[in-house]
C-alpha atoms as a PDB file:
ATOM      1  CA  MET A   1      -9.872  20.032 -15.183  1.00  0.00           C
ATOM      2  CA  LYS A   2      -8.021  16.640 -14.269  1.00  0.00           C
ATOM      3  CA  SER A   3      -4.143  16.575 -15.365  1.00  0.00           C
ATOM      4  CA  LYS A   4      -3.123  14.209 -18.291  1.00  0.00           C
ATOM      5  CA  LEU A   5      -0.576  11.864 -18.479  1.00  0.00           C
ATOM      6  CA  ASN A   6       1.904  12.925 -21.342  1.00  0.00           C
ATOM      7  CA  HIS A   7       3.827   9.576 -21.659  1.00  0.00           C
ATOM      8  CA  SER A   8       3.098   7.586 -24.744  1.00  0.00           C
ATOM      9  CA  PHE A   9       2.697   3.816 -24.653  1.00  0.00           C
ATOM     10  CA  GLU A  10       6.401   3.790 -26.569  1.00  0.00           C
ATOM     11  CA  ASP A  11       7.668   5.338 -23.483  1.00  0.00           C
ATOM     12  CA  ILE A  12       6.731   2.301 -21.346  1.00  0.00           C
ATOM     13  CA  ILE A  13       7.741  -0.574 -24.207  1.00  0.00           C
ATOM     14  CA  SER A  14      10.727   0.902 -25.227  1.00  0.00           C
ATOM     15  CA  PHE A  15      13.916  -1.053 -25.068  1.00  0.00           C
ATOM     16  CA  GLU A  16      15.596   1.757 -22.682  1.00  0.00           C
ATOM     17  CA  ASN A  17      12.545   1.705 -20.291  1.00  0.00           C
ATOM     18  CA  LEU A  18      12.520  -2.303 -20.246  1.00  0.00           C
ATOM     19  CA  PHE A  19      16.121  -2.432 -19.673  1.00  0.00           C
ATOM     20  CA  LEU A  20      16.246   0.160 -17.073  1.00  0.00           C
ATOM     21  CA  ALA A  21      12.882  -1.695 -15.459  1.00  0.00           C
ATOM     22  CA  TRP A  22      14.980  -4.816 -15.268  1.00  0.00           C
ATOM     23  CA  GLY A  23      17.788  -3.244 -13.551  1.00  0.00           C
ATOM     24  CA  GLU A  24      15.411  -2.142 -10.677  1.00  0.00           C
ATOM     25  CA  PHE A  25      13.613  -5.616 -10.879  1.00  0.00           C
ATOM     26  CA  VAL A  26      16.714  -7.728  -9.992  1.00  0.00           C
ATOM     27  CA  VAL A  27      17.784  -5.859  -7.009  1.00  0.00           C
ATOM     28  CA  GLY A  28      17.927  -8.620  -4.355  1.00  0.00           C
ATOM     29  CA  LYS A  29      16.529 -11.286  -6.769  1.00  0.00           C
ATOM     30  CA  LYS A  30      19.717 -12.196  -8.955  1.00  0.00           C
ATOM     31  CA  SER A  31      20.092 -15.579  -7.358  1.00  0.00           C
ATOM     32  CA  LYS A  32      16.373 -16.648  -7.804  1.00  0.00           C
ATOM     33  CA  PRO A  33      15.940 -19.432 -10.241  1.00  0.00           C
ATOM     34  CA  ASP A  34      13.663 -18.060 -12.440  1.00  0.00           C
ATOM     35  CA  VAL A  35      15.518 -14.834 -12.481  1.00  0.00           C
ATOM     36  CA  LEU A  36      18.433 -16.538 -13.552  1.00  0.00           C
ATOM     37  CA  GLU A  37      16.724 -18.479 -15.989  1.00  0.00           C
ATOM     38  CA  PHE A  38      15.413 -15.343 -17.699  1.00  0.00           C
ATOM     39  CA  SER A  39      18.593 -13.619 -17.570  1.00  0.00           C
ATOM     40  CA  ARG A  40      20.662 -16.017 -19.288  1.00  0.00           C
ATOM     41  CA  ASN A  41      19.005 -14.842 -22.374  1.00  0.00           C
ATOM     42  CA  LEU A  42      18.161 -11.490 -21.334  1.00  0.00           C
ATOM     43  CA  ALA A  43      18.672  -9.535 -24.444  1.00  0.00           C
ATOM     44  CA  ASP A  44      16.287 -12.187 -26.310  1.00  0.00           C
ATOM     45  CA  ASN A  45      13.689 -12.070 -23.965  1.00  0.00           C
ATOM     46  CA  ILE A  46      13.249  -8.475 -23.652  1.00  0.00           C
ATOM     47  CA  ILE A  47      13.359  -8.252 -27.346  1.00  0.00           C
ATOM     48  CA  SER A  48      10.496 -10.971 -27.461  1.00  0.00           C
ATOM     49  CA  LEU A  49       8.579  -8.875 -24.617  1.00  0.00           C
ATOM     50  CA  HIS A  50       9.003  -5.716 -26.682  1.00  0.00           C
ATOM     51  CA  GLU A  51       7.858  -7.106 -29.711  1.00  0.00           C
ATOM     52  CA  ASP A  52       4.823  -8.962 -28.050  1.00  0.00           C
ATOM     53  CA  LEU A  53       3.950  -5.557 -26.627  1.00  0.00           C
ATOM     54  CA  ALA A  54       4.413  -3.570 -29.655  1.00  0.00           C
ATOM     55  CA  SER A  55       2.124  -6.095 -31.636  1.00  0.00           C
ATOM     56  CA  GLY A  56      -0.442  -5.879 -29.452  1.00  0.00           C
ATOM     57  CA  ASN A  57       0.229  -9.971 -28.751  1.00  0.00           C
ATOM     58  CA  TYR A  58       1.404  -9.719 -25.270  1.00  0.00           C
ATOM     59  CA  ARG A  59      -1.001 -11.597 -22.687  1.00  0.00           C
ATOM     60  CA  HIS A  60      -0.296 -11.494 -19.017  1.00  0.00           C
ATOM     61  CA  GLY A  61       0.550 -14.922 -17.743  1.00  0.00           C
ATOM     62  CA  PRO A  62      -0.675 -16.779 -14.504  1.00  0.00           C
ATOM     63  CA  TYR A  63       0.223 -16.395 -10.940  1.00  0.00           C
ATOM     64  CA  GLU A  64       1.900 -18.618  -8.696  1.00  0.00           C
ATOM     65  CA  ALA A  65       0.008 -18.498  -5.053  1.00  0.00           C
ATOM     66  CA  PHE A  66       1.854 -18.776  -1.519  1.00  0.00           C
ATOM     67  CA  ASN A  67       1.426 -17.544   1.985  1.00  0.00           C
ATOM     68  CA  ILE A  68       3.593 -15.338   4.070  1.00  0.00           C
ATOM     69  CA  SER A  69       3.575 -13.502   7.486  1.00  0.00           C
ATOM     70  CA  ASP A  70       4.466  -9.966   6.777  1.00  0.00           C
ATOM     71  CA  PRO A  71       3.557  -9.757   9.913  1.00  0.00           C
ATOM     72  CA  LYS A  72       0.100 -10.362   9.233  1.00  0.00           C
ATOM     73  CA  PRO A  73      -0.656 -13.900   7.386  1.00  0.00           C
ATOM     74  CA  ARG A  74      -1.180 -12.542   3.807  1.00  0.00           C
ATOM     75  CA  HIS A  75      -2.211 -14.660   0.549  1.00  0.00           C
ATOM     76  CA  ILE A  76       0.413 -13.790  -2.277  1.00  0.00           C
ATOM     77  CA  HIS A  77       0.052 -14.000  -5.841  1.00  0.00           C
ATOM     78  CA  LYS A  78       3.300 -13.965  -7.582  1.00  0.00           C
ATOM     79  CA  ALA A  79       3.780 -13.340 -11.405  1.00  0.00           C
ATOM     80  CA  GLY A  80       6.202 -14.703 -13.778  1.00  0.00           C
ATOM     81  CA  VAL A  81       9.293 -12.722 -14.320  1.00  0.00           C
ATOM     82  CA  ARG A  82       8.493 -11.331 -17.716  1.00  0.00           C
ATOM     83  CA  ASP A  83       5.291 -10.085 -16.503  1.00  0.00           C
ATOM     84  CA  ARG A  84       7.082  -8.663 -13.327  1.00  0.00           C
ATOM     85  CA  LEU A  85       9.596  -6.876 -15.653  1.00  0.00           C
ATOM     86  CA  LEU A  86       6.665  -5.267 -17.475  1.00  0.00           C
ATOM     87  CA  HIS A  87       5.005  -4.362 -14.232  1.00  0.00           C
ATOM     88  CA  HIS A  88       8.198  -2.388 -13.571  1.00  0.00           C
ATOM     89  CA  ALA A  89       8.280  -0.843 -16.654  1.00  0.00           C
ATOM     90  CA  ILE A  90       4.814   0.393 -16.103  1.00  0.00           C
ATOM     91  CA  TYR A  91       5.422   1.727 -12.524  1.00  0.00           C
ATOM     92  CA  ARG A  92       8.408   3.562 -13.703  1.00  0.00           C
ATOM     93  CA  ILE A  93       6.666   5.940 -16.471  1.00  0.00           C
ATOM     94  CA  LEU A  94       3.161   5.946 -14.170  1.00  0.00           C
ATOM     95  CA  TYR A  95       4.510   6.351 -10.366  1.00  0.00           C
ATOM     96  CA  SER A  96       5.894  10.010 -10.871  1.00  0.00           C
ATOM     97  CA  PHE A  97       2.458  11.284 -12.525  1.00  0.00           C
ATOM     98  CA  PHE A  98       0.070   9.943  -9.933  1.00  0.00           C
ATOM     99  CA  ASP A  99       2.173  10.352  -7.041  1.00  0.00           C
ATOM    100  CA  ARG A 100       1.812  14.419  -7.759  1.00  0.00           C
ATOM    101  CA  LEU A 101      -1.737  14.005  -7.633  1.00  0.00           C
ATOM    102  CA  PHE A 102      -2.063  12.325  -4.001  1.00  0.00           C
ATOM    103  CA  ILE A 103      -2.604  14.208  -1.073  1.00  0.00           C
ATOM    104  CA  ALA A 104       0.392  14.719   1.383  1.00  0.00           C
ATOM    105  CA  ASP A 105      -0.967  12.556   3.877  1.00  0.00           C
ATOM    106  CA  SER A 106      -1.323   9.173   2.115  1.00  0.00           C
ATOM    107  CA  TYR A 107       1.570   7.342   3.259  1.00  0.00           C
ATOM    108  CA  SER A 108       1.657   3.758   1.697  1.00  0.00           C
ATOM    109  CA  CYS A 109       3.911   2.677  -1.097  1.00  0.00           C
ATOM    110  CA  ARG A 110       5.328   5.846  -1.877  1.00  0.00           C
ATOM    111  CA  LEU A 111       8.737   7.356  -1.990  1.00  0.00           C
ATOM    112  CA  ASN A 112      10.105   9.003   1.045  1.00  0.00           C
ATOM    113  CA  LYS A 113       6.925   8.036   3.149  1.00  0.00           C
ATOM    114  CA  GLY A 114       6.079   4.704   4.904  1.00  0.00           C
ATOM    115  CA  THR A 115       4.903   3.626   8.459  1.00  0.00           C
ATOM    116  CA  HIS A 116       7.108   5.401  10.687  1.00  0.00           C
ATOM    117  CA  LYS A 117       6.592   8.843   9.073  1.00  0.00           C
ATOM    118  CA  ALA A 118       2.935   8.313   9.113  1.00  0.00           C
ATOM    119  CA  VAL A 119       2.899   7.462  13.005  1.00  0.00           C
ATOM    120  CA  LYS A 120       4.848  10.523  13.429  1.00  0.00           C
ATOM    121  CA  ARG A 121       2.613  12.678  11.125  1.00  0.00           C
ATOM    122  CA  PHE A 122      -0.122  11.101  13.382  1.00  0.00           C
ATOM    123  CA  GLN A 123       1.362  12.333  16.585  1.00  0.00           C
ATOM    124  CA  ARG A 124       1.706  15.894  15.167  1.00  0.00           C
ATOM    125  CA  MET A 125      -1.760  15.885  14.016  1.00  0.00           C
ATOM    126  CA  ALA A 126      -3.080  14.954  17.631  1.00  0.00           C
ATOM    127  CA  LEU A 127      -0.851  17.371  19.406  1.00  0.00           C
ATOM    128  CA  SER A 128      -2.148  20.149  17.097  1.00  0.00           C
ATOM    129  CA  GLU A 129      -5.872  19.116  17.451  1.00  0.00           C
ATOM    130  CA  SER A 130      -5.331  19.103  20.884  1.00  0.00           C
ATOM    131  CA  ARG A 131      -3.693  22.215  21.315  1.00  0.00           C
ATOM    132  CA  ASN A 132      -0.617  20.679  22.842  1.00  0.00           C
ATOM    133  CA  ASN A 133      -2.900  18.346  25.158  1.00  0.00           C
ATOM    134  CA  SER A 134      -4.879  21.447  26.532  1.00  0.00           C
ATOM    135  CA  ARG A 135      -8.285  20.168  25.190  1.00  0.00           C
ATOM    136  CA  THR A 136      -9.652  16.783  24.265  1.00  0.00           C
ATOM    137  CA  CYS A 137      -8.620  15.337  20.793  1.00  0.00           C
ATOM    138  CA  TRP A 138     -10.907  12.432  19.372  1.00  0.00           C
ATOM    139  CA  ILE A 139      -9.700  10.060  16.637  1.00  0.00           C
ATOM    140  CA  LEU A 140     -12.062   8.352  14.396  1.00  0.00           C
ATOM    141  CA  LYS A 141     -10.194   5.180  13.184  1.00  0.00           C
ATOM    142  CA  CYS A 142     -11.296   3.106  10.061  1.00  0.00           C
ATOM    143  CA  ASP A 143     -10.363   0.373   8.344  1.00  0.00           C
ATOM    144  CA  ILE A 144     -11.692  -1.330   4.755  1.00  0.00           C
ATOM    145  CA  ARG A 145     -12.758  -4.696   4.765  1.00  0.00           C
ATOM    146  CA  LYS A 146     -10.734  -6.690   2.470  1.00  0.00           C
ATOM    147  CA  PHE A 147      -9.421  -4.096   0.305  1.00  0.00           C
ATOM    148  CA  PHE A 148      -7.064  -5.592  -2.258  1.00  0.00           C
ATOM    149  CA  ALA A 149      -9.648  -8.253  -2.894  1.00  0.00           C
ATOM    150  CA  SER A 150     -12.415  -5.939  -3.303  1.00  0.00           C
ATOM    151  CA  ILE A 151     -11.025  -3.633  -5.752  1.00  0.00           C
ATOM    152  CA  ASP A 152     -13.452  -3.369  -8.760  1.00  0.00           C
ATOM    153  CA  HIS A 153     -11.832  -3.822 -11.994  1.00  0.00           C
ATOM    154  CA  ASN A 154     -14.104  -1.571 -13.929  1.00  0.00           C
ATOM    155  CA  ILE A 155     -14.099   1.306 -11.428  1.00  0.00           C
ATOM    156  CA  LEU A 156     -10.472   1.142 -11.579  1.00  0.00           C
ATOM    157  CA  MET A 157     -10.045   1.260 -15.316  1.00  0.00           C
ATOM    158  CA  GLU A 158     -12.673   4.239 -15.248  1.00  0.00           C
ATOM    159  CA  ILE A 159     -10.460   6.207 -12.506  1.00  0.00           C
ATOM    160  CA  LEU A 160      -7.341   5.587 -14.620  1.00  0.00           C
ATOM    161  CA  ASP A 161      -9.010   6.613 -18.135  1.00  0.00           C
ATOM    162  CA  GLU A 162      -9.774  10.139 -16.464  1.00  0.00           C
ATOM    163  CA  TYR A 163      -6.188  10.688 -16.183  1.00  0.00           C
ATOM    164  CA  ILE A 164      -4.514   8.560 -19.258  1.00  0.00           C
ATOM    165  CA  PRO A 165      -5.485   9.525 -22.903  1.00  0.00           C
ATOM    166  CA  ASN A 166      -3.511   7.123 -24.687  1.00  0.00           C
ATOM    167  CA  LYS A 167      -5.760   3.932 -25.762  1.00  0.00           C
ATOM    168  CA  ASN A 168      -2.653   1.767 -26.078  1.00  0.00           C
ATOM    169  CA  ILE A 169      -1.742   2.193 -22.508  1.00  0.00           C
ATOM    170  CA  MET A 170      -5.145   1.783 -21.136  1.00  0.00           C
ATOM    171  CA  ARG A 171      -5.326  -1.638 -22.952  1.00  0.00           C
ATOM    172  CA  LEU A 172      -2.282  -2.507 -21.560  1.00  0.00           C
ATOM    173  CA  LEU A 173      -3.323  -1.596 -18.059  1.00  0.00           C
ATOM    174  CA  LYS A 174      -6.483  -3.749 -18.716  1.00  0.00           C
ATOM    175  CA  ASN A 175      -4.654  -6.685 -19.663  1.00  0.00           C
ATOM    176  CA  VAL A 176      -2.420  -6.495 -16.562  1.00  0.00           C
ATOM    177  CA  ILE A 177      -5.694  -5.583 -14.328  1.00  0.00           C
ATOM    178  CA  GLU A 178      -7.661  -8.334 -15.810  1.00  0.00           C
ATOM    179  CA  SER A 179      -5.111 -10.878 -15.279  1.00  0.00           C
ATOM    180  CA  TYR A 180      -6.107 -11.710 -11.802  1.00  0.00           C
ATOM    181  CA  SER A 181      -9.541 -11.907  -9.734  1.00  0.00           C
ATOM    182  CA  ASP A 182     -10.565 -12.845  -6.526  1.00  0.00           C
ATOM    183  CA  GLU A 183     -11.149 -16.390  -6.283  1.00  0.00           C
ATOM    184  CA  ASN A 184     -14.762 -15.477  -5.207  1.00  0.00           C
ATOM    185  CA  LYS A 185     -15.642 -12.836  -8.148  1.00  0.00           C
ATOM    186  CA  THR A 186     -14.763 -12.511 -11.432  1.00  0.00           C
ATOM    187  CA  GLY A 187     -13.611  -8.626 -12.338  1.00  0.00           C
ATOM    188  CA  VAL A 188     -12.789  -7.863  -8.806  1.00  0.00           C
ATOM    189  CA  GLY A 189      -9.335  -7.878  -6.807  1.00  0.00           C
ATOM    190  CA  LEU A 190      -5.775  -7.192  -7.522  1.00  0.00           C
ATOM    191  CA  PRO A 191      -2.850  -9.453  -6.550  1.00  0.00           C
ATOM    192  CA  LEU A 192      -0.713  -8.372  -3.242  1.00  0.00           C
ATOM    193  CA  GLY A 193       2.429  -9.648  -5.541  1.00  0.00           C
ATOM    194  CA  ASN A 194       2.088  -7.079  -8.261  1.00  0.00           C
ATOM    195  CA  LEU A 195       4.127  -3.853  -8.043  1.00  0.00           C
ATOM    196  CA  THR A 196       1.262  -2.190 -10.137  1.00  0.00           C
ATOM    197  CA  SER A 197      -1.127  -3.094  -7.541  1.00  0.00           C
ATOM    198  CA  GLN A 198       0.841  -0.758  -4.929  1.00  0.00           C
ATOM    199  CA  LEU A 199       0.021   1.976  -7.472  1.00  0.00           C
ATOM    200  CA  PHE A 200      -3.401   1.019  -8.409  1.00  0.00           C
ATOM    201  CA  SER A 201      -4.675   0.904  -5.013  1.00  0.00           C
ATOM    202  CA  ASN A 202      -3.368   4.302  -4.257  1.00  0.00           C
ATOM    203  CA  VAL A 203      -4.780   5.563  -7.415  1.00  0.00           C
ATOM    204  CA  TYR A 204      -8.094   4.069  -6.262  1.00  0.00           C
ATOM    205  CA  LEU A 205      -8.026   5.537  -2.802  1.00  0.00           C
ATOM    206  CA  ASN A 206      -7.204   8.817  -3.862  1.00  0.00           C
ATOM    207  CA  GLU A 207     -10.982   9.193  -4.610  1.00  0.00           C
ATOM    208  CA  LEU A 208     -11.649   8.558  -1.079  1.00  0.00           C
ATOM    209  CA  ASP A 209      -8.652  11.183  -0.023  1.00  0.00           C
ATOM    210  CA  GLN A 210     -10.050  13.871  -2.528  1.00  0.00           C
ATOM    211  CA  TRP A 211     -13.603  13.358  -1.100  1.00  0.00           C
ATOM    212  CA  MET A 212     -12.329  13.756   2.318  1.00  0.00           C
ATOM    213  CA  LYS A 213     -10.612  16.746   1.703  1.00  0.00           C
ATOM    214  CA  HIS A 214     -12.779  18.628  -0.481  1.00  0.00           C
ATOM    215  CA  ASN A 215     -16.202  17.213   0.496  1.00  0.00           C
ATOM    216  CA  LEU A 216     -15.900  16.184   3.991  1.00  0.00           C
ATOM    217  CA  ARG A 217     -13.604  18.930   4.674  1.00  0.00           C
ATOM    218  CA  ALA A 218     -11.485  16.769   7.297  1.00  0.00           C
ATOM    219  CA  LYS A 219      -8.646  19.055   7.856  1.00  0.00           C
ATOM    220  CA  LYS A 220      -6.816  16.321  10.081  1.00  0.00           C
ATOM    221  CA  TYR A 221      -7.227  13.015   7.621  1.00  0.00           C
ATOM    222  CA  ILE A 222      -4.213  10.403   7.149  1.00  0.00           C
ATOM    223  CA  ARG A 223      -4.422   7.284   5.414  1.00  0.00           C
ATOM    224  CA  TYR A 224      -2.091   4.355   5.117  1.00  0.00           C
ATOM    225  CA  ALA A 225      -3.189   1.747   2.477  1.00  0.00           C
ATOM    226  CA  ASP A 226      -6.727   0.784   4.103  1.00  0.00           C
ATOM    227  CA  ASP A 227      -6.086   1.864   7.631  1.00  0.00           C
ATOM    228  CA  PHE A 228      -7.334   5.720   7.994  1.00  0.00           C
ATOM    229  CA  ALA A 229      -7.921   8.263  10.625  1.00  0.00           C
ATOM    230  CA  ILE A 230      -9.471  11.630  11.194  1.00  0.00           C
ATOM    231  CA  LEU A 231      -8.704  13.703  14.288  1.00  0.00           C
ATOM    232  CA  SER A 232     -11.023  16.472  15.493  1.00  0.00           C
ATOM    233  CA  ALA A 233     -12.162  17.963  18.943  1.00  0.00           C
ATOM    234  CA  ASP A 234     -15.881  17.483  17.790  1.00  0.00           C
ATOM    235  CA  LYS A 235     -16.741  13.742  18.584  1.00  0.00           C
ATOM    236  CA  LYS A 236     -20.289  14.526  17.414  1.00  0.00           C
ATOM    237  CA  TRP A 237     -19.518  15.436  14.125  1.00  0.00           C
ATOM    238  CA  LEU A 238     -17.015  12.406  13.774  1.00  0.00           C
ATOM    239  CA  LYS A 239     -19.849  10.146  14.773  1.00  0.00           C
ATOM    240  CA  ASN A 240     -21.984  12.048  12.153  1.00  0.00           C
ATOM    241  CA  ILE A 241     -19.636  10.991   9.506  1.00  0.00           C
ATOM    242  CA  ILE A 242     -19.254   7.455   9.802  1.00  0.00           C
ATOM    243  CA  LEU A 243     -22.281   6.675   7.510  1.00  0.00           C
ATOM    244  CA  ARG A 244     -21.195   9.391   5.208  1.00  0.00           C
ATOM    245  CA  ILE A 245     -18.049   7.913   4.686  1.00  0.00           C
ATOM    246  CA  ALA A 246     -19.564   4.333   4.541  1.00  0.00           C
ATOM    247  CA  GLU A 247     -21.858   5.383   1.748  1.00  0.00           C
ATOM    248  CA  PHE A 248     -19.195   6.956  -0.169  1.00  0.00           C
ATOM    249  CA  LEU A 249     -17.247   3.938  -0.036  1.00  0.00           C
ATOM    250  CA  GLN A 250     -19.762   1.512  -1.286  1.00  0.00           C
ATOM    251  CA  THR A 251     -21.523   3.998  -4.059  1.00  0.00           C
ATOM    252  CA  ARG A 252     -18.369   5.438  -5.360  1.00  0.00           C
ATOM    253  CA  LEU A 253     -15.928   2.392  -5.019  1.00  0.00           C
ATOM    254  CA  LYS A 254     -18.029  -0.527  -3.859  1.00  0.00           C
ATOM    255  CA  LEU A 255     -15.900  -0.920  -0.804  1.00  0.00           C
ATOM    256  CA  SER A 256     -16.860  -1.366   2.744  1.00  0.00           C
ATOM    257  CA  LEU A 257     -15.821  -0.258   6.416  1.00  0.00           C
ATOM    258  CA  HIS A 258     -14.812  -3.046   8.756  1.00  0.00           C
ATOM    259  CA  ASP A 259     -17.257  -2.757  11.229  1.00  0.00           C
ATOM    260  CA  LYS A 260     -15.444  -4.160  13.927  1.00  0.00           C
ATOM    261  CA  LYS A 261     -12.378  -1.738  13.366  1.00  0.00           C
ATOM    262  CA  VAL A 262     -14.165   1.626  13.287  1.00  0.00           C
ATOM    263  CA  PHE A 263     -13.995   3.312  16.211  1.00  0.00           C
ATOM    264  CA  ILE A 264     -13.734   6.649  18.015  1.00  0.00           C
ATOM    265  CA  GLN A 265     -11.244   7.042  21.141  1.00  0.00           C
ATOM    266  CA  THR A 266      -9.402  10.199  22.636  1.00  0.00           C
ATOM    267  CA  TYR A 267      -5.587  10.429  22.064  1.00  0.00           C
ATOM    268  CA  ALA A 268      -4.817  10.949  25.826  1.00  0.00           C
ATOM    269  CA  SER A 269      -6.531   7.233  26.093  1.00  0.00           C
ATOM    270  CA  GLY A 270      -4.063   5.868  23.412  1.00  0.00           C
ATOM    271  CA  ALA A 271      -4.952   6.031  20.142  1.00  0.00           C
ATOM    272  CA  ASP A 272      -4.147   2.739  18.165  1.00  0.00           C
ATOM    273  CA  PHE A 273      -2.732   3.399  14.676  1.00  0.00           C
ATOM    274  CA  LEU A 274      -0.384   1.380  12.538  1.00  0.00           C
ATOM    275  CA  GLY A 275       0.854  -0.918  15.020  1.00  0.00           C
ATOM    276  CA  TRP A 276       1.619   1.492  17.838  1.00  0.00           C
ATOM    277  CA  VAL A 277      -0.545   2.696  20.697  1.00  0.00           C
ATOM    278  CA  ASN A 278       0.239   6.391  20.733  1.00  0.00           C
ATOM    279  CA  PHE A 279      -0.118   8.577  23.714  1.00  0.00           C
ATOM    280  CA  PRO A 280       0.456  12.413  24.173  1.00  0.00           C
ATOM    281  CA  ASP A 281       4.153  11.872  25.164  1.00  0.00           C
ATOM    282  CA  HIS A 282       5.010   8.257  24.118  1.00  0.00           C
ATOM    283  CA  ARG A 283       3.960   5.309  22.229  1.00  0.00           C
ATOM    284  CA  VAL A 284       4.043   1.651  22.770  1.00  0.00           C
ATOM    285  CA  LEU A 285       3.571  -1.453  20.508  1.00  0.00           C
ATOM    286  CA  ARG A 286       0.374  -2.999  20.132  1.00  0.00           C
ATOM    287  CA  ARG A 287      -0.229  -6.013  21.684  1.00  0.00           C
ATOM    288  CA  ALA A 288      -1.149  -7.878  18.732  1.00  0.00           C
ATOM    289  CA  THR A 289       1.919  -6.306  16.709  1.00  0.00           C
ATOM    290  CA  LYS A 290       4.233  -7.978  19.563  1.00  0.00           C
ATOM    291  CA  ARG A 291       2.813 -11.210  19.504  1.00  0.00           C
ATOM    292  CA  ARG A 292       2.968 -11.487  15.643  1.00  0.00           C
ATOM    293  CA  MET A 293       6.643 -10.037  16.109  1.00  0.00           C
ATOM    294  CA  PHE A 294       7.759 -12.804  18.671  1.00  0.00           C
ATOM    295  CA  ALA A 295       6.083 -15.599  16.252  1.00  0.00           C
ATOM    296  CA  SER A 296       7.701 -14.297  13.125  1.00  0.00           C
ATOM    297  CA  VAL A 297      11.097 -14.407  15.107  1.00  0.00           C
ATOM    298  CA  LYS A 298      10.535 -17.835  16.170  1.00  0.00           C
ATOM    299  CA  GLU A 299       9.642 -19.306  12.732  1.00  0.00           C
ATOM    300  CA  ASN A 300      12.474 -17.461  11.013  1.00  0.00           C
ATOM    301  CA  PRO A 301      15.225 -16.784  13.744  1.00  0.00           C
ATOM    302  CA  LYS A 302      17.624 -15.356  11.642  1.00  0.00           C
ATOM    303  CA  GLU A 303      19.968 -12.192  12.501  1.00  0.00           C
ATOM    304  CA  GLU A 304      18.585 -10.138   9.796  1.00  0.00           C
ATOM    305  CA  THR A 305      14.893 -10.996  11.068  1.00  0.00           C
ATOM    306  CA  LEU A 306      15.617  -9.772  14.450  1.00  0.00           C
ATOM    307  CA  GLN A 307      17.839  -6.772  13.272  1.00  0.00           C
ATOM    308  CA  SER A 308      14.587  -5.566  11.255  1.00  0.00           C
ATOM    309  CA  TYR A 309      12.344  -5.748  14.068  1.00  0.00           C
ATOM    310  CA  LEU A 310      14.773  -4.147  16.527  1.00  0.00           C
ATOM    311  CA  GLY A 311      15.122  -1.166  13.775  1.00  0.00           C
ATOM    312  CA  MET A 312      11.429  -0.776  14.140  1.00  0.00           C
ATOM    313  CA  LEU A 313      11.277  -0.929  17.880  1.00  0.00           C
ATOM    314  CA  LYS A 314      13.579   2.022  18.153  1.00  0.00           C
ATOM    315  CA  HIS A 315      10.501   4.459  17.129  1.00  0.00           C
ATOM    316  CA  GLY A 316       8.690   3.889  20.241  1.00  0.00           C
ATOM    317  CA  ASN A 317       9.014   3.066  24.002  1.00  0.00           C
ATOM    318  CA  THR A 318       9.947  -0.668  23.699  1.00  0.00           C
ATOM    319  CA  GLN A 319      13.307  -1.194  25.684  1.00  0.00           C
ATOM    320  CA  LYS A 320      11.452  -4.010  27.816  1.00  0.00           C
ATOM    321  CA  ILE A 321      10.364  -5.751  24.774  1.00  0.00           C
ATOM    322  CA  ARG A 322      13.900  -5.162  22.902  1.00  0.00           C
ATOM    323  CA  SER A 323      15.460  -6.845  26.090  1.00  0.00           C
ATOM    324  CA  GLU A 324      12.768  -9.543  25.715  1.00  0.00           C
ATOM    325  CA  LEU A 325      13.676 -10.055  22.295  1.00  0.00           C
ATOM    326  CA  LEU A 326      17.431 -10.084  22.801  1.00  0.00           C
ATOM    327  CA  GLN A 327      17.302 -12.652  25.946  1.00  0.00           C
ATOM    328  CA  LYS A 328      14.848 -15.198  24.209  1.00  0.00           C
ATOM    329  CA  TYR A 329      16.825 -15.518  21.191  1.00  0.00           C
ATOM    330  CA  TRP A 330      20.399 -15.332  22.533  1.00  0.00           C
ATOM    331  CA  VAL A 331      21.250 -12.868  19.514  1.00  0.00           C
ATOM    332  CA  SER A 332      23.271  -9.669  20.496  1.00  0.00           C
ATOM    333  CA  GLN A 333      22.851  -6.211  18.868  1.00  0.00           C
END
């Protein structure tokens, strides 16, 4: 029997939760014009939002679209301040409940997780499966095609309904989820700019994670967003499960594997995972990641941008790249 959320609709829309959500939302955004405008009449605006939510009159507003490089080019849709405040209020209540249900080796958009811990965990898995490099460790790497743009609203609502018995909460989540659709298909897609999208995407792919663990019996499986890997000493087994994974994704979640990003390789030859090429005794930065990094610093040559990348580079064998980056842009550590 699946766990059920015990929180009420009132827990989400309460003044206390909305004001706490505001405190979390404004971190790093206090000087933004739209945030300043909302904060000038903060109490009145939060009261108005609460009343609309309590009466059932709340309707999610439109989105502002723009492009970023993070480091890949991404199409972001940003909601208005009022709606983003609500996203934080929802997230505050739902995150801790769902996070307990996720597998340990899901690393995207979770507290105390992230890319660096995912890469370290990947290396520990590889060393274990290779028995400290005494046998060949094969790695099946997969990527889901256009993941956020392909999330089906009805399937997401069905999954959420299995955990959330409160109908008012479900109506509110439906309001948020249906506020956006991919430009090519109605009822499909989540906006990259929403905090709730981070949570909903993990809820959606938790179906895959649980199937991997309990049905496919994949002992060494790790996922970060739509990028996942399975490690095994049995290459034949890895080959045989590709079609099963593709079938599950299509049948259960209406998702498809990216056919150009599915491959099997050995750990000893260098396993590409989350921007790093991992070897038994070291890791190096992927060439495409290096190109995007240099392009990003060139486009935005600020000290904080450079320092951010230098911090990332500390997690691998990158002394040459670090020196090149520093010399090229004449910024010292």
